[in-house]
C-alpha atoms as a PDB file:
ATOM      1  CA  UNK A   1       0.000   0.000   0.000  1.00  0.00           C
ATOM      2  CA  UNK A   2       1.266   3.452  -0.853  1.00  0.00           C
ATOM      3  CA  UNK A   3       1.588   6.218   1.748  1.00  0.00           C
ATOM      4  CA  UNK A   4      -1.136   8.522   0.264  1.00  0.00           C
ATOM      5  CA  UNK A   5      -3.627   5.659   0.345  1.00  0.00           C
ATOM      6  CA  UNK A   6      -2.856   5.105   4.020  1.00  0.00           C
ATOM      7  CA  UNK A   7      -2.688   8.681   5.372  1.00  0.00           C
ATOM      8  CA  UNK A   8      -4.180  10.852   2.620  1.00  0.00           C
ATOM      9  CA  UNK A   9      -2.500  12.870  -0.103  1.00  0.00           C
ATOM     10  CA  UNK A  10      -1.941  16.055   1.924  1.00  0.00           C
ATOM     11  CA  UNK A  11      -0.392  14.290   4.922  1.00  0.00           C
ATOM     12  CA  UNK A  12       1.775  12.115   2.644  1.00  0.00           C
ATOM     13  CA  UNK A  13       3.077  15.146   0.757  1.00  0.00           C
ATOM     14  CA  UNK A  14       3.797  16.990   4.004  1.00  0.00           C
ATOM     15  CA  UNK A  15       5.761  14.034   5.390  1.00  0.00           C
ATOM     16  CA  UNK A  16       7.693  13.449   2.177  1.00  0.00           C
ATOM     17  CA  UNK A  17       8.462  17.091   1.355  1.00  0.00           C
ATOM     18  CA  UNK A  18       9.437  18.190   4.862  1.00  0.00           C
ATOM     19  CA  UNK A  19      11.071  14.956   6.047  1.00  0.00           C
ATOM     20  CA  UNK A  20       9.131  15.278   9.288  1.00  0.00           C
ATOM     21  CA  UNK A  21       9.189  12.188  11.463  1.00  0.00           C
ATOM     22  CA  UNK A  22       6.209  10.873  13.386  1.00  0.00           C
ATOM     23  CA  UNK A  23       6.330   9.684  16.951  1.00  0.00           C
ATOM     24  CA  UNK A  24       4.629   6.398  17.850  1.00  0.00           C
ATOM     25  CA  UNK A  25       1.260   7.906  18.775  1.00  0.00           C
ATOM     26  CA  UNK A  26       1.155  10.034  15.594  1.00  0.00           C
ATOM     27  CA  UNK A  27       1.992   6.972  13.506  1.00  0.00           C
ATOM     28  CA  UNK A  28      -0.814   5.017  15.164  1.00  0.00           C
ATOM     29  CA  UNK A  29      -3.284   7.879  14.665  1.00  0.00           C
ATOM     30  CA  UNK A  30      -2.246   8.178  11.000  1.00  0.00           C
ATOM     31  CA  UNK A  31      -2.789   4.455  10.454  1.00  0.00           C
ATOM     32  CA  UNK A  32       0.886   3.623   9.998  1.00  0.00           C
ATOM     33  CA  UNK A  33       1.147   1.544  13.170  1.00  0.00           C
ATOM     34  CA  UNK A  34      -1.309  -0.845  14.763  1.00  0.00           C
ATOM     35  CA  UNK A  35       0.061  -0.924  18.286  1.00  0.00           C
ATOM     36  CA  UNK A  36       2.271   1.252  20.462  1.00  0.00           C
ATOM     37  CA  UNK A  37       4.150  -0.546  23.202  1.00  0.00           C
ATOM     38  CA  UNK A  38       6.507   0.590  25.950  1.00  0.00           C
ATOM     39  CA  UNK A  39       8.843  -2.305  25.140  1.00  0.00           C
ATOM     40  CA  UNK A  40       8.714  -2.714  21.342  1.00  0.00           C
ATOM     41  CA  UNK A  41      11.370  -5.440  21.257  1.00  0.00           C
ATOM     42  CA  UNK A  42       9.445  -7.638  23.709  1.00  0.00           C
ATOM     43  CA  UNK A  43       6.206  -6.946  21.818  1.00  0.00           C
ATOM     44  CA  UNK A  44       7.836  -7.882  18.481  1.00  0.00           C
ATOM     45  CA  UNK A  45       9.247 -11.109  19.904  1.00  0.00           C
ATOM     46  CA  UNK A  46       5.875 -12.030  21.443  1.00  0.00           C
ATOM     47  CA  UNK A  47       4.146 -11.328  18.110  1.00  0.00           C
ATOM     48  CA  UNK A  48       6.708 -13.478  16.288  1.00  0.00           C
ATOM     49  CA  UNK A  49       6.183 -16.361  18.718  1.00  0.00           C
ATOM     50  CA  UNK A  50       2.394 -16.066  18.445  1.00  0.00           C
ATOM     51  CA  UNK A  51       1.993 -15.405  14.711  1.00  0.00           C
ATOM     52  CA  UNK A  52       5.052 -16.631  12.796  1.00  0.00           C
ATOM     53  CA  UNK A  53       7.083 -19.265  14.651  1.00  0.00           C
ATOM     54  CA  UNK A  54       4.703 -22.142  13.954  1.00  0.00           C
ATOM     55  CA  UNK A  55       4.222 -21.422  10.240  1.00  0.00           C
ATOM     56  CA  UNK A  56       5.940 -23.369   7.486  1.00  0.00           C
ATOM     57  CA  UNK A  57       8.534 -21.659   5.330  1.00  0.00           C
ATOM     58  CA  UNK A  58       6.294 -22.222   2.281  1.00  0.00           C
ATOM     59  CA  UNK A  59       3.383 -20.412   3.950  1.00  0.00           C
ATOM     60  CA  UNK A  60       5.653 -17.518   4.925  1.00  0.00           C
ATOM     61  CA  UNK A  61       7.094 -17.261   1.395  1.00  0.00           C
ATOM     62  CA  UNK A  62       3.587 -17.277  -0.075  1.00  0.00           C
ATOM     63  CA  UNK A  63       2.459 -14.526   2.311  1.00  0.00           C
ATOM     64  CA  UNK A  64       5.538 -12.424   1.517  1.00  0.00           C
ATOM     65  CA  UNK A  65       5.007 -12.737  -2.249  1.00  0.00           C
ATOM     66  CA  UNK A  66       1.278 -12.023  -1.919  1.00  0.00           C
ATOM     67  CA  UNK A  67       2.046  -8.875   0.048  1.00  0.00           C
ATOM     68  CA  UNK A  68       4.361  -7.512  -2.644  1.00  0.00           C
ATOM     69  CA  UNK A  69       1.838  -8.273  -5.391  1.00  0.00           C
ATOM     70  CA  UNK A  70       3.562 -11.212  -7.061  1.00  0.00           C
ATOM     71  CA  UNK A  71       0.755 -13.708  -6.364  1.00  0.00           C
ATOM     72  CA  UNK A  72      -2.841 -13.420  -7.499  1.00  0.00           C
ATOM     73  CA  UNK A  73      -4.491 -15.856  -5.080  1.00  0.00           C
ATOM     74  CA  UNK A  74      -3.929 -17.484  -1.694  1.00  0.00           C
ATOM     75  CA  UNK A  75      -6.662 -20.091  -2.133  1.00  0.00           C
ATOM     76  CA  UNK A  76      -5.620 -23.646  -1.218  1.00  0.00           C
ATOM     77  CA  UNK A  77      -4.928 -25.591  -4.382  1.00  0.00           C
ATOM     78  CA  UNK A  78      -4.848 -22.485  -6.576  1.00  0.00           C
ATOM     79  CA  UNK A  79      -1.290 -23.097  -7.702  1.00  0.00           C
ATOM     80  CA  UNK A  80       0.399 -26.360  -8.483  1.00  0.00           C
ATOM     81  CA  UNK A  81      -2.015 -29.300  -8.656  1.00  0.00           C
ATOM     82  CA  UNK A  82       0.335 -31.204  -6.335  1.00  0.00           C
ATOM     83  CA  UNK A  83       0.268 -28.690  -3.477  1.00  0.00           C
ATOM     84  CA  UNK A  84      -1.705 -26.010  -1.691  1.00  0.00           C
ATOM     85  CA  UNK A  85       0.445 -23.268  -3.148  1.00  0.00           C
ATOM     86  CA  UNK A  86      -0.278 -19.852  -4.601  1.00  0.00           C
ATOM     87  CA  UNK A  87      -1.120 -18.705  -8.119  1.00  0.00           C
ATOM     88  CA  UNK A  88       1.802 -16.720  -9.487  1.00  0.00           C
ATOM     89  CA  UNK A  89       1.359 -13.609 -11.605  1.00  0.00           C
ATOM     90  CA  UNK A  90       3.775 -12.770 -14.391  1.00  0.00           C
END
């Protein structure tokens, strides 16, 4: 997702043209962060343990490619007939 789509054109231009940084609360208010935590490292490690650690490397690769727009579907069986992989876009 592009910055103007997330925060609006005016706010995106102001951030990009002035180089102004946002603190954590401003980033959350602008929709650039989901959570603000007093100990971000502990929060990141807890999130990793909860959301990522148990996933297969194939599932993580599929999610990464989907996020950057290189896959068109995440439906099970949409890719190779032999696996529950993703449909690749050219």
